[in-house]
């Protein structure tokens, strides 16, 4: 029986996208692949989840999207983290660590 992949908690995708854009700008497909690679193929982000999240983050001013062109000559949108996005990432990381510590305590029977 194949091993089930974990589902992302609501809001976690925002955190992952913001973190993935920290080193520099990427287009949507590259963001998805980077998350998958960084998680050791544990996490996969489909287009149906990725693009609504990118649009939401852009609307909040946490990322900025600009038109670009792929190596194959296709039009793409390239996203980069904004200053507001960096501040939000710090808040998201702190919240995630607090949540993870609480869940870990419950799992250890505290």
C-alpha atoms as a PDB file:
ATOM      1  CA  UNK A   1       0.000   0.000   0.000  1.00  0.00           C
ATOM      2  CA  UNK A   2       1.490   3.377  -0.969  1.00  0.00           C
ATOM      3  CA  UNK A   3       2.333   5.759   1.820  1.00  0.00           C
ATOM      4  CA  UNK A   4      -0.149   8.623   2.129  1.00  0.00           C
ATOM      5  CA  UNK A   5       1.252  12.127   1.726  1.00  0.00           C
ATOM      6  CA  UNK A   6       0.390  14.608   4.440  1.00  0.00           C
ATOM      7  CA  UNK A   7      -2.123  17.330   3.688  1.00  0.00           C
ATOM      8  CA  UNK A   8      -0.982  20.912   4.164  1.00  0.00           C
ATOM      9  CA  UNK A   9      -2.674  22.748   7.016  1.00  0.00           C
ATOM     10  CA  UNK A  10      -4.597  25.811   5.944  1.00  0.00           C
ATOM     11  CA  UNK A  11      -2.223  28.758   5.817  1.00  0.00           C
ATOM     12  CA  UNK A  12       0.866  26.567   5.623  1.00  0.00           C
ATOM     13  CA  UNK A  13       1.137  27.015   1.872  1.00  0.00           C
ATOM     14  CA  UNK A  14       1.511  30.779   2.336  1.00  0.00           C
ATOM     15  CA  UNK A  15       4.425  30.161   4.702  1.00  0.00           C
ATOM     16  CA  UNK A  16       6.068  27.735   2.273  1.00  0.00           C
ATOM     17  CA  UNK A  17       5.728  30.095  -0.684  1.00  0.00           C
ATOM     18  CA  UNK A  18       7.133  33.047   1.246  1.00  0.00           C
ATOM     19  CA  UNK A  19      10.079  30.953   2.440  1.00  0.00           C
ATOM     20  CA  UNK A  20      10.692  29.571  -1.043  1.00  0.00           C
ATOM     21  CA  UNK A  21      10.938  33.094  -2.468  1.00  0.00           C
ATOM     22  CA  UNK A  22      13.481  34.210   0.158  1.00  0.00           C
ATOM     23  CA  UNK A  23      16.567  33.446  -1.986  1.00  0.00           C
ATOM     24  CA  UNK A  24      15.141  35.220  -5.020  1.00  0.00           C
ATOM     25  CA  UNK A  25      12.410  35.481  -7.678  1.00  0.00           C
ATOM     26  CA  UNK A  26      10.803  32.368  -9.187  1.00  0.00           C
ATOM     27  CA  UNK A  27       7.894  31.563 -11.455  1.00  0.00           C
ATOM     28  CA  UNK A  28       4.967  29.471 -10.242  1.00  0.00           C
ATOM     29  CA  UNK A  29       6.082  26.074 -11.498  1.00  0.00           C
ATOM     30  CA  UNK A  30       9.563  26.614 -10.020  1.00  0.00           C
ATOM     31  CA  UNK A  31       8.016  27.507  -6.645  1.00  0.00           C
ATOM     32  CA  UNK A  32       6.051  24.256  -6.672  1.00  0.00           C
ATOM     33  CA  UNK A  33       9.114  22.205  -7.641  1.00  0.00           C
ATOM     34  CA  UNK A  34      11.329  23.910  -5.039  1.00  0.00           C
ATOM     35  CA  UNK A  35       8.809  23.118  -2.268  1.00  0.00           C
ATOM     36  CA  UNK A  36       8.654  19.507  -3.420  1.00  0.00           C
ATOM     37  CA  UNK A  37      12.454  19.191  -3.576  1.00  0.00           C
ATOM     38  CA  UNK A  38      13.064  20.956  -0.264  1.00  0.00           C
ATOM     39  CA  UNK A  39      10.571  18.661   1.463  1.00  0.00           C
ATOM     40  CA  UNK A  40      12.260  15.542   0.125  1.00  0.00           C
ATOM     41  CA  UNK A  41       9.251  14.875  -2.119  1.00  0.00           C
ATOM     42  CA  UNK A  42       6.939  14.802   0.908  1.00  0.00           C
ATOM     43  CA  UNK A  43       4.963  17.874  -0.117  1.00  0.00           C
ATOM     44  CA  UNK A  44       3.462  18.483  -3.527  1.00  0.00           C
ATOM     45  CA  UNK A  45       1.611  21.635  -4.464  1.00  0.00           C
ATOM     46  CA  UNK A  46      -0.820  21.406  -7.342  1.00  0.00           C
ATOM     47  CA  UNK A  47      -1.746  24.290  -9.614  1.00  0.00           C
ATOM     48  CA  UNK A  48      -5.238  24.386  -8.110  1.00  0.00           C
ATOM     49  CA  UNK A  49      -3.729  25.359  -4.751  1.00  0.00           C
ATOM     50  CA  UNK A  50      -0.603  27.204  -5.850  1.00  0.00           C
ATOM     51  CA  UNK A  51      -2.008  29.890  -8.130  1.00  0.00           C
ATOM     52  CA  UNK A  52      -4.860  31.013  -5.843  1.00  0.00           C
ATOM     53  CA  UNK A  53      -2.277  31.295  -3.043  1.00  0.00           C
ATOM     54  CA  UNK A  54       0.062  33.332  -5.256  1.00  0.00           C
ATOM     55  CA  UNK A  55      -2.772  35.686  -6.225  1.00  0.00           C
ATOM     56  CA  UNK A  56      -3.799  36.045  -2.561  1.00  0.00           C
ATOM     57  CA  UNK A  57      -0.228  36.790  -1.441  1.00  0.00           C
ATOM     58  CA  UNK A  58       0.163  39.307  -4.244  1.00  0.00           C
ATOM     59  CA  UNK A  59      -3.105  41.021  -3.293  1.00  0.00           C
ATOM     60  CA  UNK A  60      -1.867  41.315   0.306  1.00  0.00           C
ATOM     61  CA  UNK A  61       1.352  42.938  -0.891  1.00  0.00           C
ATOM     62  CA  UNK A  62       3.586  40.136   0.401  1.00  0.00           C
ATOM     63  CA  UNK A  63       4.848  39.163  -3.051  1.00  0.00           C
ATOM     64  CA  UNK A  64       5.145  41.055  -6.295  1.00  0.00           C
ATOM     65  CA  UNK A  65       4.504  39.445  -9.665  1.00  0.00           C
ATOM     66  CA  UNK A  66       6.003  40.693 -12.900  1.00  0.00           C
ATOM     67  CA  UNK A  67       5.716  39.442 -16.456  1.00  0.00           C
ATOM     68  CA  UNK A  68       8.641  37.501 -17.811  1.00  0.00           C
ATOM     69  CA  UNK A  69       9.584  34.993 -20.453  1.00  0.00           C
ATOM     70  CA  UNK A  70      10.707  31.403 -20.042  1.00  0.00           C
ATOM     71  CA  UNK A  71      13.782  29.981 -21.769  1.00  0.00           C
ATOM     72  CA  UNK A  72      11.362  28.462 -24.283  1.00  0.00           C
ATOM     73  CA  UNK A  73       9.858  31.877 -25.053  1.00  0.00           C
ATOM     74  CA  UNK A  74       6.586  31.407 -23.132  1.00  0.00           C
ATOM     75  CA  UNK A  75       5.059  34.235 -21.119  1.00  0.00           C
ATOM     76  CA  UNK A  76       5.377  33.591 -17.395  1.00  0.00           C
ATOM     77  CA  UNK A  77       4.835  35.510 -14.197  1.00  0.00           C
ATOM     78  CA  UNK A  78       7.808  35.811 -11.899  1.00  0.00           C
ATOM     79  CA  UNK A  79       7.190  36.365  -8.196  1.00  0.00           C
ATOM     80  CA  UNK A  80       9.448  37.949  -5.612  1.00  0.00           C
ATOM     81  CA  UNK A  81       9.149  38.625  -1.919  1.00  0.00           C
ATOM     82  CA  UNK A  82       8.419  42.203  -0.844  1.00  0.00           C
ATOM     83  CA  UNK A  83       9.577  43.891   2.365  1.00  0.00           C
ATOM     84  CA  UNK A  84       6.096  43.378   3.772  1.00  0.00           C
ATOM     85  CA  UNK A  85       6.396  39.733   2.731  1.00  0.00           C
ATOM     86  CA  UNK A  86       9.656  39.350   4.643  1.00  0.00           C
ATOM     87  CA  UNK A  87       8.014  40.778   7.764  1.00  0.00           C
ATOM     88  CA  UNK A  88       5.036  38.468   7.301  1.00  0.00           C
ATOM     89  CA  UNK A  89       7.349  35.490   6.826  1.00  0.00           C
ATOM     90  CA  UNK A  90       8.970  36.218  10.202  1.00  0.00           C
ATOM     91  CA  UNK A  91       5.524  36.290  11.834  1.00  0.00           C
ATOM     92  CA  UNK A  92       4.463  33.095  10.050  1.00  0.00           C
ATOM     93  CA  UNK A  93       7.641  31.245  11.074  1.00  0.00           C
ATOM     94  CA  UNK A  94       7.187  32.262  14.721  1.00  0.00           C
ATOM     95  CA  UNK A  95       3.552  31.139  14.646  1.00  0.00           C
ATOM     96  CA  UNK A  96       4.441  27.847  12.954  1.00  0.00           C
ATOM     97  CA  UNK A  97       7.135  27.066  15.536  1.00  0.00           C
ATOM     98  CA  UNK A  98       4.718  27.764  18.379  1.00  0.00           C
ATOM     99  CA  UNK A  99       2.060  25.549  16.777  1.00  0.00           C
ATOM    100  CA  UNK A 100       4.546  22.747  16.075  1.00  0.00           C
ATOM    101  CA  UNK A 101       5.801  22.823  19.677  1.00  0.00           C
ATOM    102  CA  UNK A 102       2.238  22.598  20.973  1.00  0.00           C
ATOM    103  CA  UNK A 103       1.368  19.673  18.699  1.00  0.00           C
ATOM    104  CA  UNK A 104       4.609  17.935  19.656  1.00  0.00           C
ATOM    105  CA  UNK A 105       3.747  18.322  23.353  1.00  0.00           C
ATOM    106  CA  UNK A 106       0.359  16.715  22.796  1.00  0.00           C
ATOM    107  CA  UNK A 107       1.911  13.850  20.821  1.00  0.00           C
ATOM    108  CA  UNK A 108       4.390  13.224  23.634  1.00  0.00           C
ATOM    109  CA  UNK A 109       1.534  13.014  26.106  1.00  0.00           C
ATOM    110  CA  UNK A 110       2.286  16.180  28.046  1.00  0.00           C
END
